[in-house]
Amino acid sequence: MRNKLLCTLLLLSVACSFLTAQSPTDALMMPQHQICILGQYASSTWDEYWEGTNKRSNSNLGTFNAASTMLMANYGITDRLNVMAGLPYVRTKSDSYLQGQRGLQDLSVWLKYRPLAIAAGPGEVRGFVTGGVSTPVSRYVNDLLPLSIGLRCPTASLRAVLNYTFYSGLYATAQAGHTWRGRTNIDRDSYLYNYQLYYTDEVPVPNVFDASARIGFIKERFQTEFWVERNACVSGDDIRYNDGPFPTNKMEATVAGWFGKVFVTRQWALHASVSKVFAGRNAGQATTWAAGTTYFFTVGE
């Protein structure tokens, strides 16, 4: 379960590493009637960020930290169709006088379908399509970025995944997706967007394009991979000088990371990951680590 909450990546720089087994963006599927339950803790820290394209620090904010605890489930409706659901609890804090936030963020649900699986040379080509939606589950404050735990807007996403796995276990995966985001309401009656004043509490949130590439090795008892991911809003404005981020901002991040998983038993696995944002726009240059566990069991046979 890997890679959801693109807006959390861009706003909190959690770097998309809290979902790390059978996710909307990978090439793994649960067999029919099997469930995977994931629990994971992730922590992301930065003290420099991009204000537009200008990289800077901010002594008023100091070091920023966002932590998330994720619970997620993946069920094999059939060998070719999976349903997934996840809900994170997010906590933010910084060295500033501003108080961080904590609470349940957004509930997400995806359907993942595998229309393609054919032998090709020394391995197999597989193709996947994933669609998902999310909605906020609490009335968290969305107008105190980066300390807000999210944007409090509904989303819908669609993505395609292509994978080639050698019979030896070496694999390569590429995916691309688009997330449509609805409007959000803030607790004031006006705001600036592209230096124009709008007298409303309804704020348009930019949609997001994301793409990633992974290379790794997988066997029955372990998996390891290196990955690079790019997330970018397709519209929006920049953070104004010495101002805070806002939901309309054009947020971008390019992230590189490593992930590893080891099965302690046939049903129980431990996993860990580390990643870093090395290029961005209106986002923090975060270093993120995560660790968690997955448990597999069969129902309904």
C-alpha atoms as a PDB file:
ATOM      1  CA  MET A   1       0.000   0.000   0.000  1.00  0.00           C
ATOM      2  CA  ARG A   2       1.928   2.962  -1.283  1.00  0.00           C
ATOM      3  CA  ASN A   3       1.450   6.404  -2.554  1.00  0.00           C
ATOM      4  CA  LYS A   4      -1.712   8.137  -1.822  1.00  0.00           C
ATOM      5  CA  LEU A   5      -2.535  11.721  -0.614  1.00  0.00           C
ATOM      6  CA  LEU A   6      -0.589  13.685  -3.174  1.00  0.00           C
ATOM      7  CA  CYS A   7      -1.764  16.881  -1.542  1.00  0.00           C
ATOM      8  CA  THR A   8      -0.276  15.714   1.749  1.00  0.00           C
ATOM      9  CA  LEU A   9       3.009  15.138  -0.032  1.00  0.00           C
ATOM     10  CA  LEU A  10       3.006  18.621  -1.497  1.00  0.00           C
ATOM     11  CA  LEU A  11       1.713  20.450   1.569  1.00  0.00           C
ATOM     12  CA  LEU A  12       3.321  18.474   4.361  1.00  0.00           C
ATOM     13  CA  SER A  13       6.099  16.806   2.336  1.00  0.00           C
ATOM     14  CA  VAL A  14       5.282  13.378   3.690  1.00  0.00           C
ATOM     15  CA  ALA A  15       6.762  12.280   0.373  1.00  0.00           C
ATOM     16  CA  CYS A  16       4.261   9.595  -0.455  1.00  0.00           C
ATOM     17  CA  SER A  17       5.954   6.896   1.539  1.00  0.00           C
ATOM     18  CA  PHE A  18       3.239   5.829   3.958  1.00  0.00           C
ATOM     19  CA  LEU A  19       1.601   3.302   1.616  1.00  0.00           C
ATOM     20  CA  THR A  20       4.045   0.590   0.798  1.00  0.00           C
ATOM     21  CA  ALA A  21       2.414  -2.714  -0.185  1.00  0.00           C
ATOM     22  CA  GLN A  22      -0.197  -3.393  -2.870  1.00  0.00           C
ATOM     23  CA  SER A  23      -1.037   0.225  -3.606  1.00  0.00           C
ATOM     24  CA  PRO A  24      -2.855   2.171  -6.331  1.00  0.00           C
ATOM     25  CA  THR A  25       0.494   2.896  -8.017  1.00  0.00           C
ATOM     26  CA  ASP A  26       2.372  -0.414  -7.918  1.00  0.00           C
ATOM     27  CA  ALA A  27       2.177  -3.695  -9.868  1.00  0.00           C
ATOM     28  CA  LEU A  28       1.040  -5.982  -7.042  1.00  0.00           C
ATOM     29  CA  MET A  29      -2.407  -7.524  -6.561  1.00  0.00           C
ATOM     30  CA  MET A  30      -4.087  -9.439  -3.774  1.00  0.00           C
ATOM     31  CA  PRO A  31      -5.403 -12.906  -4.749  1.00  0.00           C
ATOM     32  CA  GLN A  32      -9.149 -13.506  -4.576  1.00  0.00           C
ATOM     33  CA  HIS A  33     -10.564 -13.555  -1.010  1.00  0.00           C
ATOM     34  CA  GLN A  34      -7.251 -12.438   0.530  1.00  0.00           C
ATOM     35  CA  ILE A  35      -6.971  -9.306   2.708  1.00  0.00           C
ATOM     36  CA  CYS A  36      -3.878  -7.263   3.467  1.00  0.00           C
ATOM     37  CA  ILE A  37      -4.014  -4.999   6.540  1.00  0.00           C
ATOM     38  CA  LEU A  38      -1.331  -2.320   6.794  1.00  0.00           C
ATOM     39  CA  GLY A  39      -0.300  -0.178   9.724  1.00  0.00           C
ATOM     40  CA  GLN A  40       2.463   2.393   9.304  1.00  0.00           C
ATOM     41  CA  TYR A  41       4.072   5.395  10.916  1.00  0.00           C
ATOM     42  CA  ALA A  42       5.859   8.039   8.815  1.00  0.00           C
ATOM     43  CA  SER A  43       7.743  11.191   9.808  1.00  0.00           C
ATOM     44  CA  SER A  44       8.787  14.043   7.497  1.00  0.00           C
ATOM     45  CA  THR A  45      11.055  16.970   8.416  1.00  0.00           C
ATOM     46  CA  TRP A  46      12.300  20.061   6.601  1.00  0.00           C
ATOM     47  CA  ASP A  47      13.818  23.438   7.424  1.00  0.00           C
ATOM     48  CA  GLU A  48      14.106  24.793   3.868  1.00  0.00           C
ATOM     49  CA  TYR A  49      11.363  25.208   1.280  1.00  0.00           C
ATOM     50  CA  TRP A  50      10.676  26.685  -2.132  1.00  0.00           C
ATOM     51  CA  GLU A  51       8.780  29.978  -2.144  1.00  0.00           C
ATOM     52  CA  GLY A  52       7.740  29.750  -5.772  1.00  0.00           C
ATOM     53  CA  THR A  53      11.003  28.626  -7.365  1.00  0.00           C
ATOM     54  CA  ASN A  54      13.170  30.442  -4.793  1.00  0.00           C
ATOM     55  CA  LYS A  55      14.634  28.076  -2.196  1.00  0.00           C
ATOM     56  CA  ARG A  56      14.847  29.623   1.260  1.00  0.00           C
ATOM     57  CA  SER A  57      14.646  29.102   5.007  1.00  0.00           C
ATOM     58  CA  ASN A  58      12.345  30.866   7.445  1.00  0.00           C
ATOM     59  CA  SER A  59      13.526  31.510  10.994  1.00  0.00           C
ATOM     60  CA  ASN A  60       9.975  32.347  12.068  1.00  0.00           C
ATOM     61  CA  LEU A  61       8.880  28.830  11.159  1.00  0.00           C
ATOM     62  CA  GLY A  62      12.116  26.967  11.943  1.00  0.00           C
ATOM     63  CA  THR A  63      12.068  23.214  11.466  1.00  0.00           C
ATOM     64  CA  PHE A  64       8.768  21.741  10.350  1.00  0.00           C
ATOM     65  CA  ASN A  65       7.664  18.159  11.053  1.00  0.00           C
ATOM     66  CA  ALA A  66       4.656  16.193   9.849  1.00  0.00           C
ATOM     67  CA  ALA A  67       3.911  12.687  11.078  1.00  0.00           C
ATOM     68  CA  SER A  68       1.212  10.302   9.908  1.00  0.00           C
ATOM     69  CA  THR A  69      -0.172   7.029  11.199  1.00  0.00           C
ATOM     70  CA  MET A  70      -1.881   5.084   8.430  1.00  0.00           C
ATOM     71  CA  LEU A  71      -4.334   2.198   8.570  1.00  0.00           C
ATOM     72  CA  MET A  72      -5.169   0.633   5.229  1.00  0.00           C
ATOM     73  CA  ALA A  73      -6.829  -2.511   3.890  1.00  0.00           C
ATOM     74  CA  ASN A  74      -6.695  -4.204   0.480  1.00  0.00           C
ATOM     75  CA  TYR A  75      -9.111  -6.996  -0.500  1.00  0.00           C
ATOM     76  CA  GLY A  76      -8.994  -9.269  -3.532  1.00  0.00           C
ATOM     77  CA  ILE A  77     -12.508  -9.302  -4.992  1.00  0.00           C
ATOM     78  CA  THR A  78     -11.014 -11.445  -7.768  1.00  0.00           C
ATOM     79  CA  ASP A  79      -7.424 -12.139  -8.823  1.00  0.00           C
ATOM     80  CA  ARG A  80      -7.783  -9.224 -11.274  1.00  0.00           C
ATOM     81  CA  LEU A  81      -9.840  -6.750  -9.217  1.00  0.00           C
ATOM     82  CA  ASN A  82      -8.888  -5.316  -5.823  1.00  0.00           C
ATOM     83  CA  VAL A  83     -10.562  -2.759  -3.566  1.00  0.00           C
ATOM     84  CA  MET A  84      -8.481  -0.626  -1.178  1.00  0.00           C
ATOM     85  CA  ALA A  85      -9.328   1.843   1.575  1.00  0.00           C
ATOM     86  CA  GLY A  86      -7.096   3.981   3.776  1.00  0.00           C
ATOM     87  CA  LEU A  87      -7.396   6.596   6.522  1.00  0.00           C
ATOM     88  CA  PRO A  88      -4.444   8.578   7.956  1.00  0.00           C
ATOM     89  CA  TYR A  89      -4.121  10.353  11.271  1.00  0.00           C
ATOM     90  CA  VAL A  90      -1.790  13.342  10.750  1.00  0.00           C
ATOM     91  CA  ARG A  91       0.065  15.535  13.226  1.00  0.00           C
ATOM     92  CA  THR A  92       2.039  18.695  12.382  1.00  0.00           C
ATOM     93  CA  LYS A  93       4.344  20.919  14.417  1.00  0.00           C
ATOM     94  CA  SER A  94       7.165  23.460  14.002  1.00  0.00           C
ATOM     95  CA  ASP A  95       9.602  25.549  16.024  1.00  0.00           C
ATOM     96  CA  SER A  96       7.346  28.592  15.646  1.00  0.00           C
ATOM     97  CA  TYR A  97       4.821  30.008  18.105  1.00  0.00           C
ATOM     98  CA  LEU A  98       2.039  28.671  15.874  1.00  0.00           C
ATOM     99  CA  GLN A  99       0.298  25.581  17.169  1.00  0.00           C
ATOM    100  CA  GLY A 100       0.348  22.533  14.948  1.00  0.00           C
ATOM    101  CA  GLN A 101      -2.663  20.430  14.108  1.00  0.00           C
ATOM    102  CA  ARG A 102      -3.605  16.807  14.562  1.00  0.00           C
ATOM    103  CA  GLY A 103      -6.515  14.648  13.558  1.00  0.00           C
ATOM    104  CA  LEU A 104      -8.020  12.260  11.043  1.00  0.00           C
ATOM    105  CA  GLN A 105      -7.539  13.528   7.529  1.00  0.00           C
ATOM    106  CA  ASP A 106      -9.253  12.078   4.414  1.00  0.00           C
ATOM    107  CA  LEU A 107     -10.802   8.653   3.796  1.00  0.00           C
ATOM    108  CA  SER A 108      -9.713   7.213   0.441  1.00  0.00           C
ATOM    109  CA  VAL A 109     -11.102   4.284  -1.546  1.00  0.00           C
ATOM    110  CA  TRP A 110      -9.690   2.791  -4.774  1.00  0.00           C
ATOM    111  CA  LEU A 111     -10.535   0.069  -7.265  1.00  0.00           C
ATOM    112  CA  LYS A 112      -7.580  -1.531  -9.031  1.00  0.00           C
ATOM    113  CA  TYR A 113      -8.008  -3.687 -12.144  1.00  0.00           C
ATOM    114  CA  ARG A 114      -5.455  -5.744 -14.083  1.00  0.00           C
ATOM    115  CA  PRO A 115      -6.527  -6.004 -17.761  1.00  0.00           C
ATOM    116  CA  LEU A 116      -3.142  -7.210 -19.025  1.00  0.00           C
ATOM    117  CA  ALA A 117      -0.840 -10.075 -18.002  1.00  0.00           C
ATOM    118  CA  ILE A 118       1.127 -11.777 -20.795  1.00  0.00           C
ATOM    119  CA  ALA A 119       4.412 -13.669 -21.019  1.00  0.00           C
ATOM    120  CA  ALA A 120       7.084 -11.745 -22.939  1.00  0.00           C
ATOM    121  CA  GLY A 121      10.609 -13.072 -23.292  1.00  0.00           C
ATOM    122  CA  PRO A 122      12.268 -13.818 -19.946  1.00  0.00           C
ATOM    123  CA  GLY A 123       9.408 -12.333 -17.935  1.00  0.00           C
ATOM    124  CA  GLU A 124       5.834 -11.014 -17.874  1.00  0.00           C
ATOM    125  CA  VAL A 125       4.210  -7.715 -18.863  1.00  0.00           C
ATOM    126  CA  ARG A 126       1.333  -6.545 -16.682  1.00  0.00           C
ATOM    127  CA  GLY A 127      -0.911  -3.524 -16.976  1.00  0.00           C
ATOM    128  CA  PHE A 128      -3.185  -1.990 -14.332  1.00  0.00           C
ATOM    129  CA  VAL A 129      -5.825   0.739 -14.110  1.00  0.00           C
ATOM    130  CA  THR A 130      -6.703   2.362 -10.779  1.00  0.00           C
ATOM    131  CA  GLY A 131      -9.515   4.750  -9.935  1.00  0.00           C
ATOM    132  CA  GLY A 132     -10.135   6.321  -6.541  1.00  0.00           C
ATOM    133  CA  VAL A 133     -11.980   8.951  -4.538  1.00  0.00           C
ATOM    134  CA  SER A 134     -11.342  10.644  -1.201  1.00  0.00           C
ATOM    135  CA  THR A 135     -13.300  12.842   1.175  1.00  0.00           C
ATOM    136  CA  PRO A 136     -12.430  14.651   4.424  1.00  0.00           C
ATOM    137  CA  VAL A 137     -13.674  12.948   7.590  1.00  0.00           C
ATOM    138  CA  SER A 138     -13.094  15.828  10.027  1.00  0.00           C
ATOM    139  CA  ARG A 139     -13.416  19.624  10.090  1.00  0.00           C
ATOM    140  CA  TYR A 140      -9.705  20.339  10.312  1.00  0.00           C
ATOM    141  CA  VAL A 141      -8.462  23.864   9.565  1.00  0.00           C
ATOM    142  CA  ASN A 142      -7.249  24.044   5.954  1.00  0.00           C
ATOM    143  CA  ASP A 143      -6.081  27.677   5.904  1.00  0.00           C
ATOM    144  CA  LEU A 144      -2.985  27.438   8.115  1.00  0.00           C
ATOM    145  CA  LEU A 145      -0.480  25.832   5.755  1.00  0.00           C
ATOM    146  CA  PRO A 146       1.946  24.215   6.185  1.00  0.00           C
ATOM    147  CA  LEU A 147       0.564  23.371   9.633  1.00  0.00           C
ATOM    148  CA  SER A 148      -2.821  22.321   8.228  1.00  0.00           C
ATOM    149  CA  ILE A 149      -3.096  18.537   7.955  1.00  0.00           C
ATOM    150  CA  GLY A 150      -4.695  18.753   4.494  1.00  0.00           C
ATOM    151  CA  LEU A 151      -6.775  20.782   2.065  1.00  0.00           C
ATOM    152  CA  ARG A 152     -10.214  19.496   3.134  1.00  0.00           C
ATOM    153  CA  CYS A 153     -11.418  18.974  -0.426  1.00  0.00           C
ATOM    154  CA  PRO A 154     -12.874  15.947  -2.215  1.00  0.00           C
ATOM    155  CA  THR A 155     -10.746  14.254  -4.876  1.00  0.00           C
ATOM    156  CA  ALA A 156     -11.066  11.729  -7.692  1.00  0.00           C
ATOM    157  CA  SER A 157      -8.105  10.051  -9.383  1.00  0.00           C
ATOM    158  CA  LEU A 158      -7.350   7.827 -12.363  1.00  0.00           C
ATOM    159  CA  ARG A 159      -4.017   6.223 -13.191  1.00  0.00           C
ATOM    160  CA  ALA A 160      -2.325   3.612 -15.377  1.00  0.00           C
ATOM    161  CA  VAL A 161       0.513   1.308 -14.288  1.00  0.00           C
ATOM    162  CA  LEU A 162       2.809  -0.746 -16.564  1.00  0.00           C
ATOM    163  CA  ASN A 163       5.189  -3.369 -15.183  1.00  0.00           C
ATOM    164  CA  TYR A 164       7.719  -5.833 -16.516  1.00  0.00           C
ATOM    165  CA  THR A 165       8.964  -8.526 -14.129  1.00  0.00           C
ATOM    166  CA  PHE A 166      11.726 -10.960 -15.029  1.00  0.00           C
ATOM    167  CA  TYR A 167      11.254 -14.537 -13.826  1.00  0.00           C
ATOM    168  CA  SER A 168      14.427 -13.977 -11.767  1.00  0.00           C
ATOM    169  CA  GLY A 169      12.576 -11.356  -9.675  1.00  0.00           C
ATOM    170  CA  LEU A 170      14.017  -8.149 -11.130  1.00  0.00           C
ATOM    171  CA  TYR A 171      11.294  -5.692 -12.156  1.00  0.00           C
ATOM    172  CA  ALA A 172      10.634  -2.217 -13.517  1.00  0.00           C
ATOM    173  CA  THR A 173       7.400  -0.255 -13.063  1.00  0.00           C
ATOM    174  CA  ALA A 174       6.161   3.022 -14.513  1.00  0.00           C
ATOM    175  CA  GLN A 175       2.907   4.779 -13.620  1.00  0.00           C
ATOM    176  CA  ALA A 176       1.157   8.044 -14.355  1.00  0.00           C
ATOM    177  CA  GLY A 177      -2.028   9.500 -12.927  1.00  0.00           C
ATOM    178  CA  HIS A 178      -4.227  12.553 -12.621  1.00  0.00           C
ATOM    179  CA  THR A 179      -6.094  13.721  -9.522  1.00  0.00           C
ATOM    180  CA  TRP A 180      -9.065  16.055  -9.801  1.00  0.00           C
ATOM    181  CA  ARG A 181      -9.668  18.125  -6.682  1.00  0.00           C
ATOM    182  CA  GLY A 182     -12.862  19.908  -5.723  1.00  0.00           C
ATOM    183  CA  ARG A 183     -13.197  23.304  -4.101  1.00  0.00           C
ATOM    184  CA  THR A 184     -12.542  23.893  -0.426  1.00  0.00           C
ATOM    185  CA  ASN A 185     -14.097  26.407   1.975  1.00  0.00           C
ATOM    186  CA  ILE A 186     -11.977  28.538   4.280  1.00  0.00           C
ATOM    187  CA  ASP A 187     -12.961  30.349   7.504  1.00  0.00           C
ATOM    188  CA  ARG A 188     -12.873  33.862   6.003  1.00  0.00           C
ATOM    189  CA  ASP A 189     -14.812  35.675   3.336  1.00  0.00           C
ATOM    190  CA  SER A 190     -12.015  36.826   0.987  1.00  0.00           C
ATOM    191  CA  TYR A 191      -8.590  35.781  -0.297  1.00  0.00           C
ATOM    192  CA  LEU A 192      -5.932  36.647  -2.893  1.00  0.00           C
ATOM    193  CA  TYR A 193      -5.360  34.390  -5.912  1.00  0.00           C
ATOM    194  CA  ASN A 194      -2.831  35.433  -8.580  1.00  0.00           C
ATOM    195  CA  TYR A 195      -2.827  38.875  -6.911  1.00  0.00           C
ATOM    196  CA  GLN A 196      -6.567  39.281  -7.470  1.00  0.00           C
ATOM    197  CA  LEU A 197      -8.942  39.668  -4.521  1.00  0.00           C
ATOM    198  CA  TYR A 198     -11.941  37.312  -4.374  1.00  0.00           C
ATOM    199  CA  TYR A 199     -14.825  38.019  -1.995  1.00  0.00           C
ATOM    200  CA  THR A 200     -15.849  34.447  -1.202  1.00  0.00           C
ATOM    201  CA  ASP A 201     -14.906  31.633   1.164  1.00  0.00           C
ATOM    202  CA  GLU A 202     -14.870  29.075  -1.673  1.00  0.00           C
ATOM    203  CA  VAL A 203     -11.361  28.353  -2.964  1.00  0.00           C
ATOM    204  CA  PRO A 204     -10.411  26.416  -6.153  1.00  0.00           C
ATOM    205  CA  VAL A 205      -7.764  23.763  -5.471  1.00  0.00           C
ATOM    206  CA  PRO A 206      -5.458  22.886  -8.412  1.00  0.00           C
ATOM    207  CA  ASN A 207      -5.571  19.417  -9.922  1.00  0.00           C
ATOM    208  CA  VAL A 208      -2.428  17.270  -9.769  1.00  0.00           C
ATOM    209  CA  PHE A 209      -0.473  15.146 -12.256  1.00  0.00           C
ATOM    210  CA  ASP A 210       1.906  12.508 -10.911  1.00  0.00           C
ATOM    211  CA  ALA A 211       4.288   9.989 -12.467  1.00  0.00           C
ATOM    212  CA  SER A 212       6.846   7.576 -11.056  1.00  0.00           C
ATOM    213  CA  ALA A 213       9.421   4.984 -12.099  1.00  0.00           C
ATOM    214  CA  ARG A 214      10.680   2.095  -9.969  1.00  0.00           C
ATOM    215  CA  ILE A 215      13.270  -0.615 -10.305  1.00  0.00           C
ATOM    216  CA  GLY A 216      13.483  -3.421  -7.785  1.00  0.00           C
ATOM    217  CA  PHE A 217      13.756  -7.075  -6.926  1.00  0.00           C
ATOM    218  CA  ILE A 218      11.015  -9.245  -5.438  1.00  0.00           C
ATOM    219  CA  LYS A 219      10.832 -12.799  -4.150  1.00  0.00           C
ATOM    220  CA  GLU A 220       8.399 -14.631  -1.873  1.00  0.00           C
ATOM    221  CA  ARG A 221      10.145 -13.553   1.333  1.00  0.00           C
ATOM    222  CA  PHE A 222      11.472 -10.062   0.519  1.00  0.00           C
ATOM    223  CA  GLN A 223      11.263  -7.035  -1.770  1.00  0.00           C
ATOM    224  CA  THR A 224      13.505  -4.023  -2.330  1.00  0.00           C
ATOM    225  CA  GLU A 225      13.176  -1.108  -4.744  1.00  0.00           C
ATOM    226  CA  PHE A 226      14.431   2.354  -5.628  1.00  0.00           C
ATOM    227  CA  TRP A 227      12.015   4.920  -7.026  1.00  0.00           C
ATOM    228  CA  VAL A 228      11.677   8.437  -8.375  1.00  0.00           C
ATOM    229  CA  GLU A 229       8.372  10.321  -8.405  1.00  0.00           C
ATOM    230  CA  ARG A 230       7.186  13.644  -9.762  1.00  0.00           C
ATOM    231  CA  ASN A 231       4.041  15.438  -8.525  1.00  0.00           C
ATOM    232  CA  ALA A 232       2.905  18.742  -9.987  1.00  0.00           C
ATOM    233  CA  CYS A 233      -0.214  20.881  -9.837  1.00  0.00           C
ATOM    234  CA  VAL A 234      -1.460  21.722 -13.328  1.00  0.00           C
ATOM    235  CA  SER A 235      -2.413  25.289 -12.336  1.00  0.00           C
ATOM    236  CA  GLY A 236      -2.183  27.679  -9.395  1.00  0.00           C
ATOM    237  CA  ASP A 237      -0.121  30.577  -8.094  1.00  0.00           C
ATOM    238  CA  ASP A 238       3.087  30.936  -6.065  1.00  0.00           C
ATOM    239  CA  ILE A 239       3.562  31.698  -2.385  1.00  0.00           C
ATOM    240  CA  ARG A 240       3.914  35.446  -2.012  1.00  0.00           C
ATOM    241  CA  TYR A 241       7.144  36.760  -0.475  1.00  0.00           C
ATOM    242  CA  ASN A 242       7.195  36.193   3.303  1.00  0.00           C
ATOM    243  CA  ASP A 243       3.638  34.881   3.190  1.00  0.00           C
ATOM    244  CA  GLY A 244       2.347  31.429   4.042  1.00  0.00           C
ATOM    245  CA  PRO A 245       1.237  28.724   1.586  1.00  0.00           C
ATOM    246  CA  PHE A 246      -2.394  28.707   0.422  1.00  0.00           C
ATOM    247  CA  PRO A 247      -4.611  25.998  -1.133  1.00  0.00           C
ATOM    248  CA  THR A 248      -4.429  27.722  -4.564  1.00  0.00           C
ATOM    249  CA  ASN A 249      -0.632  27.369  -4.774  1.00  0.00           C
ATOM    250  CA  LYS A 250       1.006  25.509  -7.661  1.00  0.00           C
ATOM    251  CA  MET A 251       2.844  22.890  -5.610  1.00  0.00           C
ATOM    252  CA  GLU A 252       5.459  20.592  -7.155  1.00  0.00           C
ATOM    253  CA  ALA A 253       7.898  18.019  -5.813  1.00  0.00           C
ATOM    254  CA  THR A 254      10.402  15.551  -7.261  1.00  0.00           C
ATOM    255  CA  VAL A 255      11.181  12.762  -4.805  1.00  0.00           C
ATOM    256  CA  ALA A 256      13.652   9.857  -4.748  1.00  0.00           C
ATOM    257  CA  GLY A 257      13.518   7.005  -2.272  1.00  0.00           C
ATOM    258  CA  TRP A 258      14.106   3.405  -1.255  1.00  0.00           C
ATOM    259  CA  PHE A 259      11.661   0.806   0.036  1.00  0.00           C
ATOM    260  CA  GLY A 260      12.237  -2.651   1.522  1.00  0.00           C
ATOM    261  CA  LYS A 261       9.969  -5.419   2.832  1.00  0.00           C
ATOM    262  CA  VAL A 262      10.747  -8.704   4.608  1.00  0.00           C
ATOM    263  CA  PHE A 263       8.281 -11.492   5.413  1.00  0.00           C
ATOM    264  CA  VAL A 264       8.778 -12.726   8.979  1.00  0.00           C
ATOM    265  CA  THR A 265       6.184 -15.436   8.363  1.00  0.00           C
ATOM    266  CA  ARG A 266       4.066 -16.276   5.312  1.00  0.00           C
ATOM    267  CA  GLN A 267       1.359 -13.923   6.635  1.00  0.00           C
ATOM    268  CA  TRP A 268       3.282 -11.202   8.439  1.00  0.00           C
ATOM    269  CA  ALA A 269       5.753  -8.732   6.908  1.00  0.00           C
ATOM    270  CA  LEU A 270       7.760  -5.713   8.064  1.00  0.00           C
ATOM    271  CA  HIS A 271       8.651  -2.824   5.777  1.00  0.00           C
ATOM    272  CA  ALA A 272      10.605   0.437   5.860  1.00  0.00           C
ATOM    273  CA  SER A 273      11.332   3.311   3.494  1.00  0.00           C
ATOM    274  CA  VAL A 274      13.269   6.553   3.257  1.00  0.00           C
ATOM    275  CA  SER A 275      12.931   9.380   0.725  1.00  0.00           C
ATOM    276  CA  LYS A 276      13.974  12.954   0.043  1.00  0.00           C
ATOM    277  CA  VAL A 277      12.525  15.818  -1.971  1.00  0.00           C
ATOM    278  CA  PHE A 278      15.373  17.100  -4.148  1.00  0.00           C
ATOM    279  CA  ALA A 279      13.489  19.608  -6.323  1.00  0.00           C
ATOM    280  CA  GLY A 280      10.259  21.500  -5.771  1.00  0.00           C
ATOM    281  CA  ARG A 281       8.048  24.539  -6.016  1.00  0.00           C
ATOM    282  CA  ASN A 282       5.979  25.913  -3.128  1.00  0.00           C
ATOM    283  CA  ALA A 283       6.912  22.814  -1.082  1.00  0.00           C
ATOM    284  CA  GLY A 284       9.328  21.826   1.650  1.00  0.00           C
ATOM    285  CA  GLN A 285      12.599  20.009   0.974  1.00  0.00           C
ATOM    286  CA  ALA A 286      11.668  17.113   3.197  1.00  0.00           C
ATOM    287  CA  THR A 287      13.414  13.978   4.324  1.00  0.00           C
ATOM    288  CA  THR A 288      10.946  11.245   5.213  1.00  0.00           C
ATOM    289  CA  TRP A 289      11.252   7.854   6.838  1.00  0.00           C
ATOM    290  CA  ALA A 290       8.543   5.303   7.424  1.00  0.00           C
ATOM    291  CA  ALA A 291       8.171   1.897   9.035  1.00  0.00           C
ATOM    292  CA  GLY A 292       5.238  -0.441   9.330  1.00  0.00           C
ATOM    293  CA  THR A 293       3.811  -3.914   9.127  1.00  0.00           C
ATOM    294  CA  THR A 294       1.376  -5.834   6.950  1.00  0.00           C
ATOM    295  CA  TYR A 295      -0.683  -8.899   7.789  1.00  0.00           C
ATOM    296  CA  PHE A 296      -2.310 -11.153   5.199  1.00  0.00           C
ATOM    297  CA  PHE A 297      -5.228 -13.538   5.721  1.00  0.00           C
ATOM    298  CA  THR A 298      -7.961 -15.219   3.681  1.00  0.00           C
ATOM    299  CA  VAL A 299     -11.729 -14.823   4.104  1.00  0.00           C
ATOM    300  CA  GLY A 300     -14.863 -15.898   2.263  1.00  0.00           C
ATOM    301  CA  GLU A 301     -13.631 -19.084   0.600  1.00  0.00           C
END
